[in-house]
């Protein structure tokens, strides 16, 4: 595993900011890291990067314990913090060359040119960082995080301040990076998780409350299974309510119905059998999925 966190704890005086959190992230995966403000996300990410010491438990990056072998672990991590610290008096290319020097990168010019191209900074490469918009400063932060070709990328709110077109470009870049690296992505834009991530972790009040692939997360934690059905003919509401596992029936108009069952119960086969039995023409039968936002609200309220 590229990142392995085991029973991680961080205590600030009487507050347990991170409380027994464990998870793993492997190469070729984009992991969404979600939680309300103050849930412990950023603290956990800072511990994994070696920026903060933990109070208990352990964190490993590419097999290196971040506390026992901090330099080896940090060398394999690219980090974009939420508040992107940059030297605003430096030019874009100058800053990236400076960063390359800190990492001891050979042929720095080639690496800098590649990062400038990949992050869409080409037309701004000769500007001072302080002259850039927030969105382009965010791109500079992404470029420095990726410059040394790390095995693990930890991105805290990477699309903050970007316009819609820039968001699409950066999301695609993150997806492409996720094919060859381990990417841990923290964001408050829950639609971004569905668009980019393979798996999501939800943390609330310092505790991990969910860890699952996106599709499984939406089904397992949704609380109910919802099916939308449409017939060509009129159907009797009371008869629909007698379909096994169906708890509630709601008319959506024009012979369309919403059927709700307990989570984990797929009633589509039973609905199809009902249509055959009642000699009804089935026009639509669709299992609805909950959004990550709905699941997030259920688990963190």
C-alpha atoms as a PDB file:
ATOM      1  CA  UNK A   1       0.000   0.000   0.000  1.00  0.00           C
ATOM      2  CA  UNK A   2       1.246   3.496  -0.819  1.00  0.00           C
ATOM      3  CA  UNK A   3      -0.399   4.999   2.276  1.00  0.00           C
ATOM      4  CA  UNK A   4      -1.301   3.067   5.417  1.00  0.00           C
ATOM      5  CA  UNK A   5      -2.813   4.782   8.451  1.00  0.00           C
ATOM      6  CA  UNK A   6      -3.349   2.664  11.582  1.00  0.00           C
ATOM      7  CA  UNK A   7      -5.289   3.757  14.684  1.00  0.00           C
ATOM      8  CA  UNK A   8      -4.182   7.352  14.239  1.00  0.00           C
ATOM      9  CA  UNK A   9      -4.815   9.723  17.148  1.00  0.00           C
ATOM     10  CA  UNK A  10      -4.158  13.447  17.507  1.00  0.00           C
ATOM     11  CA  UNK A  11      -4.973  15.217  20.778  1.00  0.00           C
ATOM     12  CA  UNK A  12      -4.969  18.977  21.352  1.00  0.00           C
ATOM     13  CA  UNK A  13      -5.255  19.483  25.123  1.00  0.00           C
ATOM     14  CA  UNK A  14      -8.715  17.986  25.883  1.00  0.00           C
ATOM     15  CA  UNK A  15      -9.814  17.648  22.250  1.00  0.00           C
ATOM     16  CA  UNK A  16      -9.308  14.483  20.208  1.00  0.00           C
ATOM     17  CA  UNK A  17      -9.048  15.982  16.736  1.00  0.00           C
ATOM     18  CA  UNK A  18      -8.335  12.547  15.221  1.00  0.00           C
ATOM     19  CA  UNK A  19      -9.724   9.549  17.081  1.00  0.00           C
ATOM     20  CA  UNK A  20      -8.528   6.042  16.101  1.00  0.00           C
ATOM     21  CA  UNK A  21      -8.604   6.531  12.312  1.00  0.00           C
ATOM     22  CA  UNK A  22      -7.388   3.694  10.063  1.00  0.00           C
ATOM     23  CA  UNK A  23      -7.392   3.421   6.261  1.00  0.00           C
ATOM     24  CA  UNK A  24      -5.229   2.436   3.310  1.00  0.00           C
ATOM     25  CA  UNK A  25      -4.746   3.905  -0.163  1.00  0.00           C
ATOM     26  CA  UNK A  26      -3.101   2.066  -3.025  1.00  0.00           C
ATOM     27  CA  UNK A  27      -1.350   3.039  -6.243  1.00  0.00           C
ATOM     28  CA  UNK A  28      -3.693   3.864  -9.118  1.00  0.00           C
ATOM     29  CA  UNK A  29      -6.459   5.136  -6.826  1.00  0.00           C
ATOM     30  CA  UNK A  30      -8.012   8.547  -6.214  1.00  0.00           C
ATOM     31  CA  UNK A  31      -9.282   8.576  -2.634  1.00  0.00           C
ATOM     32  CA  UNK A  32     -11.782  11.232  -1.585  1.00  0.00           C
ATOM     33  CA  UNK A  33     -11.316  12.444   1.989  1.00  0.00           C
ATOM     34  CA  UNK A  34     -14.511  14.074   3.254  1.00  0.00           C
ATOM     35  CA  UNK A  35     -15.870  15.579   6.426  1.00  0.00           C
ATOM     36  CA  UNK A  36     -17.423  18.736   7.872  1.00  0.00           C
ATOM     37  CA  UNK A  37     -15.252  21.650   8.946  1.00  0.00           C
ATOM     38  CA  UNK A  38     -13.327  20.667  12.053  1.00  0.00           C
ATOM     39  CA  UNK A  39     -13.820  16.933  11.497  1.00  0.00           C
ATOM     40  CA  UNK A  40     -10.076  16.169  11.464  1.00  0.00           C
ATOM     41  CA  UNK A  41      -9.431  15.853   7.705  1.00  0.00           C
ATOM     42  CA  UNK A  42      -6.672  18.437   7.393  1.00  0.00           C
ATOM     43  CA  UNK A  43      -5.040  17.266  10.629  1.00  0.00           C
ATOM     44  CA  UNK A  44      -4.916  13.700   9.311  1.00  0.00           C
ATOM     45  CA  UNK A  45      -3.444  14.865   6.007  1.00  0.00           C
ATOM     46  CA  UNK A  46      -0.809  16.945   7.772  1.00  0.00           C
ATOM     47  CA  UNK A  47       0.219  13.916   9.845  1.00  0.00           C
ATOM     48  CA  UNK A  48       0.549  11.754   6.710  1.00  0.00           C
ATOM     49  CA  UNK A  49       2.749  14.406   5.080  1.00  0.00           C
ATOM     50  CA  UNK A  50       4.936  14.622   8.194  1.00  0.00           C
ATOM     51  CA  UNK A  51       3.929  18.224   8.891  1.00  0.00           C
ATOM     52  CA  UNK A  52       2.359  17.341  12.271  1.00  0.00           C
ATOM     53  CA  UNK A  53       3.342  14.622  14.777  1.00  0.00           C
ATOM     54  CA  UNK A  54       0.607  12.224  15.882  1.00  0.00           C
ATOM     55  CA  UNK A  55      -0.344  11.544  19.491  1.00  0.00           C
ATOM     56  CA  UNK A  56      -0.839   7.832  18.822  1.00  0.00           C
ATOM     57  CA  UNK A  57      -1.055   5.235  16.068  1.00  0.00           C
ATOM     58  CA  UNK A  58       1.048   5.269  12.925  1.00  0.00           C
ATOM     59  CA  UNK A  59       1.151   6.507   9.338  1.00  0.00           C
ATOM     60  CA  UNK A  60       3.251   5.000   6.556  1.00  0.00           C
ATOM     61  CA  UNK A  61       4.049   6.296   3.071  1.00  0.00           C
ATOM     62  CA  UNK A  62       5.412   3.732   0.608  1.00  0.00           C
ATOM     63  CA  UNK A  63       6.505   1.558   3.539  1.00  0.00           C
ATOM     64  CA  UNK A  64       8.238   4.370   5.461  1.00  0.00           C
ATOM     65  CA  UNK A  65       6.891   5.375   8.861  1.00  0.00           C
ATOM     66  CA  UNK A  66       6.443   9.163   8.772  1.00  0.00           C
ATOM     67  CA  UNK A  67       7.619   9.486  12.388  1.00  0.00           C
ATOM     68  CA  UNK A  68      10.573   7.058  12.270  1.00  0.00           C
ATOM     69  CA  UNK A  69      11.807   7.916   8.754  1.00  0.00           C
ATOM     70  CA  UNK A  70      10.373  11.350   7.996  1.00  0.00           C
ATOM     71  CA  UNK A  71      12.756  12.350   5.178  1.00  0.00           C
ATOM     72  CA  UNK A  72      12.227   9.123   3.241  1.00  0.00           C
ATOM     73  CA  UNK A  73       8.440   9.444   3.602  1.00  0.00           C
ATOM     74  CA  UNK A  74       8.313  13.145   2.675  1.00  0.00           C
ATOM     75  CA  UNK A  75      10.414  12.592  -0.439  1.00  0.00           C
ATOM     76  CA  UNK A  76       7.621  10.418  -1.809  1.00  0.00           C
ATOM     77  CA  UNK A  77       4.783  12.870  -1.126  1.00  0.00           C
ATOM     78  CA  UNK A  78       3.558  15.865  -3.101  1.00  0.00           C
ATOM     79  CA  UNK A  79       1.394  18.139  -0.964  1.00  0.00           C
ATOM     80  CA  UNK A  80      -0.944  20.970  -1.866  1.00  0.00           C
ATOM     81  CA  UNK A  81      -2.242  22.481   1.402  1.00  0.00           C
ATOM     82  CA  UNK A  82      -5.612  24.198   1.674  1.00  0.00           C
ATOM     83  CA  UNK A  83      -3.991  27.617   2.083  1.00  0.00           C
ATOM     84  CA  UNK A  84      -1.458  27.483  -0.711  1.00  0.00           C
ATOM     85  CA  UNK A  85       1.795  29.142   0.511  1.00  0.00           C
ATOM     86  CA  UNK A  86       3.733  30.733  -2.343  1.00  0.00           C
ATOM     87  CA  UNK A  87       6.527  33.295  -2.735  1.00  0.00           C
ATOM     88  CA  UNK A  88       4.492  35.979  -4.477  1.00  0.00           C
ATOM     89  CA  UNK A  89       7.519  38.095  -5.461  1.00  0.00           C
ATOM     90  CA  UNK A  90       8.967  35.238  -7.496  1.00  0.00           C
ATOM     91  CA  UNK A  91       8.160  34.516 -11.128  1.00  0.00           C
ATOM     92  CA  UNK A  92       6.324  31.278 -11.908  1.00  0.00           C
ATOM     93  CA  UNK A  93       9.271  29.553 -13.604  1.00  0.00           C
ATOM     94  CA  UNK A  94      11.705  30.988 -11.035  1.00  0.00           C
ATOM     95  CA  UNK A  95       9.625  29.536  -8.185  1.00  0.00           C
ATOM     96  CA  UNK A  96       9.360  26.131  -9.819  1.00  0.00           C
ATOM     97  CA  UNK A  97      13.144  26.063 -10.461  1.00  0.00           C
ATOM     98  CA  UNK A  98      13.641  26.982  -6.802  1.00  0.00           C
ATOM     99  CA  UNK A  99      11.359  24.100  -5.766  1.00  0.00           C
ATOM    100  CA  UNK A 100      13.210  21.716  -8.087  1.00  0.00           C
ATOM    101  CA  UNK A 101      16.458  22.706  -6.364  1.00  0.00           C
ATOM    102  CA  UNK A 102      15.001  21.910  -2.948  1.00  0.00           C
ATOM    103  CA  UNK A 103      14.118  18.434  -4.194  1.00  0.00           C
ATOM    104  CA  UNK A 104      17.522  17.962  -5.806  1.00  0.00           C
ATOM    105  CA  UNK A 105      15.976  17.369  -9.219  1.00  0.00           C
ATOM    106  CA  UNK A 106      18.380  16.918 -12.105  1.00  0.00           C
ATOM    107  CA  UNK A 107      17.512  18.438 -15.495  1.00  0.00           C
ATOM    108  CA  UNK A 108      15.232  20.851 -13.666  1.00  0.00           C
ATOM    109  CA  UNK A 109      14.360  22.850 -16.782  1.00  0.00           C
ATOM    110  CA  UNK A 110      12.784  19.805 -18.443  1.00  0.00           C
ATOM    111  CA  UNK A 111      10.702  19.014 -15.345  1.00  0.00           C
ATOM    112  CA  UNK A 112       9.616  22.636 -14.927  1.00  0.00           C
ATOM    113  CA  UNK A 113       8.582  22.922 -18.579  1.00  0.00           C
ATOM    114  CA  UNK A 114       6.577  19.703 -18.297  1.00  0.00           C
ATOM    115  CA  UNK A 115       4.744  20.873 -15.170  1.00  0.00           C
ATOM    116  CA  UNK A 116       4.029  24.280 -16.696  1.00  0.00           C
ATOM    117  CA  UNK A 117       2.462  22.527 -19.679  1.00  0.00           C
ATOM    118  CA  UNK A 118       0.475  19.960 -17.676  1.00  0.00           C
ATOM    119  CA  UNK A 119      -1.040  22.551 -15.335  1.00  0.00           C
ATOM    120  CA  UNK A 120      -1.881  25.079 -18.065  1.00  0.00           C
ATOM    121  CA  UNK A 121       0.561  27.743 -16.883  1.00  0.00           C
ATOM    122  CA  UNK A 122       2.202  28.295 -20.255  1.00  0.00           C
ATOM    123  CA  UNK A 123       0.814  31.767 -20.916  1.00  0.00           C
ATOM    124  CA  UNK A 124       1.626  32.885 -17.341  1.00  0.00           C
ATOM    125  CA  UNK A 125       5.053  31.315 -16.853  1.00  0.00           C
ATOM    126  CA  UNK A 126       6.901  34.668 -17.006  1.00  0.00           C
ATOM    127  CA  UNK A 127       4.583  36.474 -14.556  1.00  0.00           C
ATOM    128  CA  UNK A 128       5.145  37.127 -10.881  1.00  0.00           C
ATOM    129  CA  UNK A 129       3.046  34.809  -8.715  1.00  0.00           C
ATOM    130  CA  UNK A 130       1.551  37.826  -6.937  1.00  0.00           C
ATOM    131  CA  UNK A 131       0.119  39.031 -10.273  1.00  0.00           C
ATOM    132  CA  UNK A 132      -1.808  35.803 -10.867  1.00  0.00           C
ATOM    133  CA  UNK A 133      -5.467  35.161 -10.103  1.00  0.00           C
ATOM    134  CA  UNK A 134      -6.299  32.767  -7.284  1.00  0.00           C
ATOM    135  CA  UNK A 135      -7.043  30.040  -9.810  1.00  0.00           C
ATOM    136  CA  UNK A 136      -3.628  30.336 -11.455  1.00  0.00           C
ATOM    137  CA  UNK A 137      -1.884  30.486  -8.082  1.00  0.00           C
ATOM    138  CA  UNK A 138      -3.625  27.208  -7.333  1.00  0.00           C
ATOM    139  CA  UNK A 139      -2.150  25.790 -10.539  1.00  0.00           C
ATOM    140  CA  UNK A 140       1.316  26.876  -9.402  1.00  0.00           C
ATOM    141  CA  UNK A 141       0.709  25.012  -6.145  1.00  0.00           C
ATOM    142  CA  UNK A 142      -0.287  21.892  -8.078  1.00  0.00           C
ATOM    143  CA  UNK A 143       2.814  22.192 -10.255  1.00  0.00           C
ATOM    144  CA  UNK A 144       5.143  22.362  -7.244  1.00  0.00           C
ATOM    145  CA  UNK A 145       3.372  19.383  -5.625  1.00  0.00           C
ATOM    146  CA  UNK A 146       3.929  17.249  -8.735  1.00  0.00           C
ATOM    147  CA  UNK A 147       7.341  18.585  -9.749  1.00  0.00           C
ATOM    148  CA  UNK A 148       9.448  15.856  -8.127  1.00  0.00           C
ATOM    149  CA  UNK A 149       7.204  13.080  -9.511  1.00  0.00           C
ATOM    150  CA  UNK A 150       6.021  11.812  -6.098  1.00  0.00           C
ATOM    151  CA  UNK A 151       4.373   8.424  -5.657  1.00  0.00           C
ATOM    152  CA  UNK A 152       1.685   9.963  -3.419  1.00  0.00           C
ATOM    153  CA  UNK A 153      -0.198  13.220  -4.001  1.00  0.00           C
ATOM    154  CA  UNK A 154      -2.140  14.800  -1.135  1.00  0.00           C
ATOM    155  CA  UNK A 155      -4.373  17.617  -2.342  1.00  0.00           C
ATOM    156  CA  UNK A 156      -6.377  19.744   0.087  1.00  0.00           C
ATOM    157  CA  UNK A 157      -9.113  21.649  -1.822  1.00  0.00           C
ATOM    158  CA  UNK A 158      -7.210  21.581  -5.154  1.00  0.00           C
ATOM    159  CA  UNK A 159      -9.943  23.305  -7.220  1.00  0.00           C
ATOM    160  CA  UNK A 160     -10.565  26.136  -4.754  1.00  0.00           C
ATOM    161  CA  UNK A 161     -10.800  29.449  -6.590  1.00  0.00           C
ATOM    162  CA  UNK A 162     -10.887  27.967 -10.097  1.00  0.00           C
ATOM    163  CA  UNK A 163     -13.510  28.928 -12.674  1.00  0.00           C
ATOM    164  CA  UNK A 164     -15.762  26.149 -14.129  1.00  0.00           C
ATOM    165  CA  UNK A 165     -13.533  25.551 -17.169  1.00  0.00           C
ATOM    166  CA  UNK A 166     -10.411  25.379 -15.023  1.00  0.00           C
ATOM    167  CA  UNK A 167     -12.140  22.975 -12.628  1.00  0.00           C
ATOM    168  CA  UNK A 168     -12.883  20.574 -15.485  1.00  0.00           C
ATOM    169  CA  UNK A 169      -9.233  20.718 -16.628  1.00  0.00           C
ATOM    170  CA  UNK A 170      -7.789  20.162 -13.140  1.00  0.00           C
ATOM    171  CA  UNK A 171     -10.238  17.346 -12.422  1.00  0.00           C
ATOM    172  CA  UNK A 172      -9.108  15.591 -15.592  1.00  0.00           C
ATOM    173  CA  UNK A 173      -5.482  16.116 -14.600  1.00  0.00           C
ATOM    174  CA  UNK A 174      -6.161  14.566 -11.180  1.00  0.00           C
ATOM    175  CA  UNK A 175      -7.916  11.588 -12.796  1.00  0.00           C
ATOM    176  CA  UNK A 176      -4.965  11.075 -15.137  1.00  0.00           C
ATOM    177  CA  UNK A 177      -2.514  11.292 -12.234  1.00  0.00           C
ATOM    178  CA  UNK A 178      -4.624   8.792 -10.313  1.00  0.00           C
ATOM    179  CA  UNK A 179      -3.905   6.140 -12.946  1.00  0.00           C
ATOM    180  CA  UNK A 180      -0.225   6.051 -12.022  1.00  0.00           C
ATOM    181  CA  UNK A 181      -0.058   7.484  -8.492  1.00  0.00           C
ATOM    182  CA  UNK A 182      -1.895   7.428  -5.196  1.00  0.00           C
ATOM    183  CA  UNK A 183      -4.016  10.574  -4.872  1.00  0.00           C
ATOM    184  CA  UNK A 184      -5.747  11.618  -1.650  1.00  0.00           C
ATOM    185  CA  UNK A 185      -8.150  14.444  -2.343  1.00  0.00           C
ATOM    186  CA  UNK A 186      -9.946  16.571   0.232  1.00  0.00           C
ATOM    187  CA  UNK A 187     -12.806  18.746  -1.016  1.00  0.00           C
ATOM    188  CA  UNK A 188     -16.034  20.392   0.089  1.00  0.00           C
ATOM    189  CA  UNK A 189     -17.458  20.060  -3.440  1.00  0.00           C
ATOM    190  CA  UNK A 190     -19.157  16.690  -3.085  1.00  0.00           C
ATOM    191  CA  UNK A 191     -19.985  16.501  -6.795  1.00  0.00           C
ATOM    192  CA  UNK A 192     -16.232  16.565  -7.352  1.00  0.00           C
ATOM    193  CA  UNK A 193     -15.887  13.323  -5.402  1.00  0.00           C
ATOM    194  CA  UNK A 194     -18.330  11.580  -7.736  1.00  0.00           C
ATOM    195  CA  UNK A 195     -16.570  13.041 -10.777  1.00  0.00           C
ATOM    196  CA  UNK A 196     -12.995  12.214  -9.779  1.00  0.00           C
ATOM    197  CA  UNK A 197     -12.682   9.686  -6.948  1.00  0.00           C
ATOM    198  CA  UNK A 198     -12.711   5.890  -6.998  1.00  0.00           C
ATOM    199  CA  UNK A 199     -13.332   5.595  -3.277  1.00  0.00           C
ATOM    200  CA  UNK A 200     -14.338   7.885  -0.446  1.00  0.00           C
ATOM    201  CA  UNK A 201     -13.630   8.139   3.259  1.00  0.00           C
ATOM    202  CA  UNK A 202     -15.907  10.200   5.476  1.00  0.00           C
ATOM    203  CA  UNK A 203     -14.628  11.430   8.827  1.00  0.00           C
ATOM    204  CA  UNK A 204     -16.823  13.091  11.453  1.00  0.00           C
ATOM    205  CA  UNK A 205     -15.764  14.471  14.848  1.00  0.00           C
ATOM    206  CA  UNK A 206     -12.378  12.812  14.450  1.00  0.00           C
ATOM    207  CA  UNK A 207     -13.800   9.346  13.749  1.00  0.00           C
ATOM    208  CA  UNK A 208     -13.968   7.466  10.476  1.00  0.00           C
ATOM    209  CA  UNK A 209     -17.652   6.793   9.715  1.00  0.00           C
ATOM    210  CA  UNK A 210     -17.456   5.419   6.149  1.00  0.00           C
ATOM    211  CA  UNK A 211     -14.900   3.907   3.779  1.00  0.00           C
ATOM    212  CA  UNK A 212     -16.147   2.428   0.499  1.00  0.00           C
ATOM    213  CA  UNK A 213     -16.071   2.744  -3.307  1.00  0.00           C
ATOM    214  CA  UNK A 214     -18.331   5.575  -4.488  1.00  0.00           C
ATOM    215  CA  UNK A 215     -21.079   3.363  -5.956  1.00  0.00           C
ATOM    216  CA  UNK A 216     -21.119   1.106  -2.901  1.00  0.00           C
ATOM    217  CA  UNK A 217     -21.109   4.103  -0.570  1.00  0.00           C
ATOM    218  CA  UNK A 218     -24.218   5.554  -2.211  1.00  0.00           C
ATOM    219  CA  UNK A 219     -26.086   2.258  -1.891  1.00  0.00           C
ATOM    220  CA  UNK A 220     -24.878   0.947   1.456  1.00  0.00           C
ATOM    221  CA  UNK A 221     -25.369   4.128   3.471  1.00  0.00           C
ATOM    222  CA  UNK A 222     -28.421   5.523   1.709  1.00  0.00           C
ATOM    223  CA  UNK A 223     -30.904   4.085   4.225  1.00  0.00           C
ATOM    224  CA  UNK A 224     -33.379   3.105   1.496  1.00  0.00           C
ATOM    225  CA  UNK A 225     -33.502   1.551  -1.946  1.00  0.00           C
ATOM    226  CA  UNK A 226     -35.574   3.556  -4.432  1.00  0.00           C
ATOM    227  CA  UNK A 227     -37.032   2.302  -7.715  1.00  0.00           C
ATOM    228  CA  UNK A 228     -38.850   4.399 -10.325  1.00  0.00           C
ATOM    229  CA  UNK A 229     -41.319   2.521 -12.507  1.00  0.00           C
ATOM    230  CA  UNK A 230     -43.613   3.595 -15.360  1.00  0.00           C
ATOM    231  CA  UNK A 231     -46.416   1.570 -16.920  1.00  0.00           C
ATOM    232  CA  UNK A 232     -48.375   2.204 -20.112  1.00  0.00           C
ATOM    233  CA  UNK A 233     -51.604   1.507 -18.221  1.00  0.00           C
ATOM    234  CA  UNK A 234     -53.003   2.628 -14.878  1.00  0.00           C
ATOM    235  CA  UNK A 235     -51.730   0.642 -11.889  1.00  0.00           C
ATOM    236  CA  UNK A 236     -53.377   0.292  -8.504  1.00  0.00           C
ATOM    237  CA  UNK A 237     -51.422   1.968  -5.701  1.00  0.00           C
ATOM    238  CA  UNK A 238     -52.557  -0.547  -3.070  1.00  0.00           C
ATOM    239  CA  UNK A 239     -51.475  -3.452  -5.278  1.00  0.00           C
ATOM    240  CA  UNK A 240     -48.038  -1.855  -5.760  1.00  0.00           C
ATOM    241  CA  UNK A 241     -47.715  -1.502  -1.990  1.00  0.00           C
ATOM    242  CA  UNK A 242     -48.141  -5.288  -1.646  1.00  0.00           C
ATOM    243  CA  UNK A 243     -45.023  -6.041  -3.703  1.00  0.00           C
ATOM    244  CA  UNK A 244     -42.566  -7.825  -1.343  1.00  0.00           C
ATOM    245  CA  UNK A 245     -40.182  -5.453   0.512  1.00  0.00           C
ATOM    246  CA  UNK A 246     -41.918  -2.299  -0.781  1.00  0.00           C
ATOM    247  CA  UNK A 247     -42.490   0.084   2.134  1.00  0.00           C
ATOM    248  CA  UNK A 248     -43.919   3.179   0.482  1.00  0.00           C
ATOM    249  CA  UNK A 249     -45.491   4.012  -2.886  1.00  0.00           C
ATOM    250  CA  UNK A 250     -45.624   7.541  -4.294  1.00  0.00           C
ATOM    251  CA  UNK A 251     -47.309   8.660  -7.512  1.00  0.00           C
ATOM    252  CA  UNK A 252     -45.098  10.707  -9.836  1.00  0.00           C
ATOM    253  CA  UNK A 253     -47.930  11.313 -12.317  1.00  0.00           C
ATOM    254  CA  UNK A 254     -48.722   9.758 -15.733  1.00  0.00           C
ATOM    255  CA  UNK A 255     -48.539   6.160 -14.492  1.00  0.00           C
ATOM    256  CA  UNK A 256     -45.097   6.737 -12.969  1.00  0.00           C
ATOM    257  CA  UNK A 257     -44.411   5.552  -9.431  1.00  0.00           C
ATOM    258  CA  UNK A 258     -41.660   5.762  -6.855  1.00  0.00           C
ATOM    259  CA  UNK A 259     -41.254   2.622  -4.735  1.00  0.00           C
ATOM    260  CA  UNK A 260     -39.100   2.602  -1.596  1.00  0.00           C
ATOM    261  CA  UNK A 261     -37.682  -0.482   0.121  1.00  0.00           C
ATOM    262  CA  UNK A 262     -35.150  -1.040   2.941  1.00  0.00           C
ATOM    263  CA  UNK A 263     -31.508  -0.448   2.003  1.00  0.00           C
ATOM    264  CA  UNK A 264     -29.933  -3.376   0.218  1.00  0.00           C
ATOM    265  CA  UNK A 265     -33.227  -4.659  -1.233  1.00  0.00           C
ATOM    266  CA  UNK A 266     -33.432  -4.447  -5.014  1.00  0.00           C
ATOM    267  CA  UNK A 267     -37.138  -4.833  -5.814  1.00  0.00           C
ATOM    268  CA  UNK A 268     -36.841  -4.552  -9.600  1.00  0.00           C
ATOM    269  CA  UNK A 269     -37.333  -8.285 -10.183  1.00  0.00           C
ATOM    270  CA  UNK A 270     -40.445  -8.256  -7.990  1.00  0.00           C
ATOM    271  CA  UNK A 271     -41.795  -5.209  -9.859  1.00  0.00           C
ATOM    272  CA  UNK A 272     -41.225  -6.964 -13.189  1.00  0.00           C
ATOM    273  CA  UNK A 273     -43.065 -10.040 -11.897  1.00  0.00           C
ATOM    274  CA  UNK A 274     -45.898  -7.769 -10.714  1.00  0.00           C
ATOM    275  CA  UNK A 275     -46.179  -6.218 -14.194  1.00  0.00           C
ATOM    276  CA  UNK A 276     -46.406  -9.653 -15.817  1.00  0.00           C
ATOM    277  CA  UNK A 277     -49.008 -10.817 -13.304  1.00  0.00           C
ATOM    278  CA  UNK A 278     -51.133  -7.680 -13.704  1.00  0.00           C
ATOM    279  CA  UNK A 279     -50.730  -7.644 -17.526  1.00  0.00           C
ATOM    280  CA  UNK A 280     -49.147  -4.190 -17.403  1.00  0.00           C
ATOM    281  CA  UNK A 281     -46.804  -2.875 -20.090  1.00  0.00           C
ATOM    282  CA  UNK A 282     -43.533  -1.855 -18.454  1.00  0.00           C
ATOM    283  CA  UNK A 283     -42.093   1.329 -19.996  1.00  0.00           C
ATOM    284  CA  UNK A 284     -39.411   2.153 -17.412  1.00  0.00           C
ATOM    285  CA  UNK A 285     -37.804   0.430 -14.453  1.00  0.00           C
ATOM    286  CA  UNK A 286     -34.909   2.297 -12.878  1.00  0.00           C
ATOM    287  CA  UNK A 287     -33.069   1.991  -9.577  1.00  0.00           C
ATOM    288  CA  UNK A 288     -32.230   5.427  -8.240  1.00  0.00           C
ATOM    289  CA  UNK A 289     -28.905   6.050  -6.540  1.00  0.00           C
ATOM    290  CA  UNK A 290     -28.323   8.512  -3.737  1.00  0.00           C
ATOM    291  CA  UNK A 291     -25.795  11.272  -4.266  1.00  0.00           C
ATOM    292  CA  UNK A 292     -22.611  11.466  -2.192  1.00  0.00           C
ATOM    293  CA  UNK A 293     -24.036  14.687  -0.765  1.00  0.00           C
ATOM    294  CA  UNK A 294     -27.105  12.873   0.628  1.00  0.00           C
ATOM    295  CA  UNK A 295     -24.966  10.124   2.138  1.00  0.00           C
ATOM    296  CA  UNK A 296     -22.596  12.731   3.604  1.00  0.00           C
ATOM    297  CA  UNK A 297     -25.493  14.545   5.274  1.00  0.00           C
ATOM    298  CA  UNK A 298     -26.875  11.338   6.766  1.00  0.00           C
ATOM    299  CA  UNK A 299     -23.519  10.353   8.253  1.00  0.00           C
ATOM    300  CA  UNK A 300     -22.394  13.742   9.575  1.00  0.00           C
ATOM    301  CA  UNK A 301     -25.544  15.477  10.865  1.00  0.00           C
END
